[in-house]
């Protein structure tokens, strides 16, 4: 069986590098990375990832929630939302995406939390 391919969407490059490193340690394959919602949609079109690791609050024109909604609408790709704040407003912004195939985790997260979220979202 081929490894699960993950698209990482994060507007902080250092945080993105950490997330990619954790994913690779866990045996996931990087399908691509994007710094903006717009780039995430383009990358999803080109690469068709198995799952998207999406920062909810991207500081770009298209938010993480909007990008995830577009990707899920087009391809049905499951999404794991991440947020540094972990407050209700962040999670509420992700509610535009249907709850099936969606998980939320708070940064910083450890390997076990990320692996559990990815496996759960793929099982939906």
Protein backbone atom coordinates (compact mmCIF):
# COMPACT_ATOMS: atom_id res chain seq x y z
CA UNK A 1 0.00 0.00 0.00
CA UNK A 2 1.36 3.43 -0.90
CA UNK A 3 1.94 6.03 1.82
CA UNK A 4 -0.74 8.61 2.58
CA UNK A 5 -0.01 11.84 0.69
CA UNK A 6 -0.48 15.03 2.72
CA UNK A 7 -0.75 18.61 1.50
CA UNK A 8 0.53 21.03 4.17
CA UNK A 9 -0.93 24.55 4.18
CA UNK A 10 0.72 26.94 6.62
CA UNK A 11 1.62 30.64 6.24
CA UNK A 12 4.56 30.48 8.68
CA UNK A 13 7.50 28.83 6.87
CA UNK A 14 9.28 27.65 10.04
CA UNK A 15 6.08 26.05 11.35
CA UNK A 16 5.54 24.45 7.94
CA UNK A 17 9.02 22.91 8.03
CA UNK A 18 8.30 21.46 11.49
CA UNK A 19 4.97 20.01 10.31
CA UNK A 20 6.57 18.48 7.21
CA UNK A 21 9.32 16.95 9.34
CA UNK A 22 6.80 15.36 11.73
CA UNK A 23 4.77 14.00 8.82
CA UNK A 24 7.85 12.44 7.25
CA UNK A 25 8.91 10.91 10.58
CA UNK A 26 5.46 9.33 10.75
CA UNK A 27 5.87 7.83 7.28
CA UNK A 28 3.49 10.12 5.41
CA UNK A 29 4.44 11.41 1.97
CA UNK A 30 4.45 15.15 1.26
CA UNK A 31 2.04 15.85 -1.61
CA UNK A 32 3.06 19.50 -1.54
CA UNK A 33 3.04 22.62 0.58
CA UNK A 34 1.41 26.00 0.24
CA UNK A 35 1.69 29.32 2.05
CA UNK A 36 -1.73 30.65 1.02
CA UNK A 37 -5.28 29.46 0.52
CA UNK A 38 -5.10 30.18 -3.19
CA UNK A 39 -1.89 28.18 -3.58
CA UNK A 40 -3.44 25.34 -1.56
CA UNK A 41 -6.33 25.02 -4.01
CA UNK A 42 -3.92 25.07 -6.97
CA UNK A 43 -1.71 22.44 -5.31
CA UNK A 44 -4.72 20.23 -4.55
CA UNK A 45 -5.78 20.42 -8.20
CA UNK A 46 -2.29 19.45 -9.36
CA UNK A 47 -1.41 16.83 -6.75
CA UNK A 48 -4.72 15.38 -5.48
CA UNK A 49 -3.52 14.70 -1.91
CA UNK A 50 -5.13 12.07 0.31
CA UNK A 51 -5.50 14.56 3.17
CA UNK A 52 -4.85 18.27 3.80
CA UNK A 53 -3.20 19.64 6.95
CA UNK A 54 -4.64 23.18 6.97
CA UNK A 55 -3.92 26.19 9.18
CA UNK A 56 -7.36 27.70 9.80
CA UNK A 57 -6.23 31.31 10.08
CA UNK A 58 -4.04 31.96 7.05
CA UNK A 59 -3.06 35.60 6.73
CA UNK A 60 -3.84 35.58 3.02
CA UNK A 61 -6.79 36.71 0.93
CA UNK A 62 -8.33 33.21 1.03
CA UNK A 63 -8.55 31.79 4.57
CA UNK A 64 -7.72 28.24 5.45
CA UNK A 65 -11.39 27.49 6.03
CA UNK A 66 -12.30 28.86 2.58
CA UNK A 67 -9.51 26.91 0.89
CA UNK A 68 -10.51 23.71 2.68
CA UNK A 69 -14.13 24.21 1.66
CA UNK A 70 -13.09 24.63 -1.98
CA UNK A 71 -10.81 21.56 -1.90
CA UNK A 72 -13.45 19.40 -0.20
CA UNK A 73 -16.18 20.61 -2.55
CA UNK A 74 -14.10 19.76 -5.63
CA UNK A 75 -12.42 16.54 -4.50
CA UNK A 76 -13.88 15.40 -1.18
CA UNK A 77 -10.42 15.50 0.36
CA UNK A 78 -10.38 15.10 4.16
CA UNK A 79 -8.96 18.01 6.17
CA UNK A 80 -7.14 18.27 9.50
CA UNK A 81 -7.39 21.88 10.67
CA UNK A 82 -4.67 23.24 12.94
CA UNK A 83 -4.75 26.40 15.02
CA UNK A 84 -2.22 28.00 17.33
CA UNK A 85 -4.90 29.73 19.37
CA UNK A 86 -7.26 26.86 19.98
CA UNK A 87 -10.10 29.24 20.73
CA UNK A 88 -13.71 28.80 19.69
CA UNK A 89 -13.57 31.53 17.04
CA UNK A 90 -10.84 29.65 15.15
CA UNK A 91 -12.81 26.43 15.19
CA UNK A 92 -16.06 28.21 14.30
CA UNK A 93 -14.38 29.60 11.18
CA UNK A 94 -13.80 26.01 10.08
CA UNK A 95 -17.49 25.17 10.32
CA UNK A 96 -18.14 26.13 6.72
CA UNK A 97 -16.67 22.74 5.90
CA UNK A 98 -18.94 19.74 6.59
CA UNK A 99 -17.98 17.89 9.77
CA UNK A 100 -17.45 14.48 8.13
CA UNK A 101 -13.84 14.18 7.05
CA UNK A 102 -12.70 17.05 9.26
CA UNK A 103 -10.61 17.06 12.45
CA UNK A 104 -9.14 19.87 14.54
CA UNK A 105 -5.88 19.92 16.49
CA UNK A 106 -4.15 22.71 18.40
CA UNK A 107 -0.54 23.78 17.80
CA UNK A 108 1.87 22.81 19.10
CA UNK A 109 0.90 19.17 18.63
CA UNK A 110 2.98 16.05 18.97
CA UNK A 111 3.46 13.17 16.56
CA UNK A 112 0.84 11.01 18.21
CA UNK A 113 -1.84 13.74 18.05
CA UNK A 114 -1.13 14.41 14.38
CA UNK A 115 -1.11 10.72 13.46
CA UNK A 116 -4.38 10.14 15.35
CA UNK A 117 -6.06 13.09 13.62
CA UNK A 118 -4.95 11.98 10.15
CA UNK A 119 -5.99 8.38 10.69
CA UNK A 120 -9.37 9.46 12.11
CA UNK A 121 -10.13 11.82 9.23
CA UNK A 122 -9.20 9.16 6.69
CA UNK A 123 -11.50 6.66 8.42
CA UNK A 124 -14.55 8.95 8.13
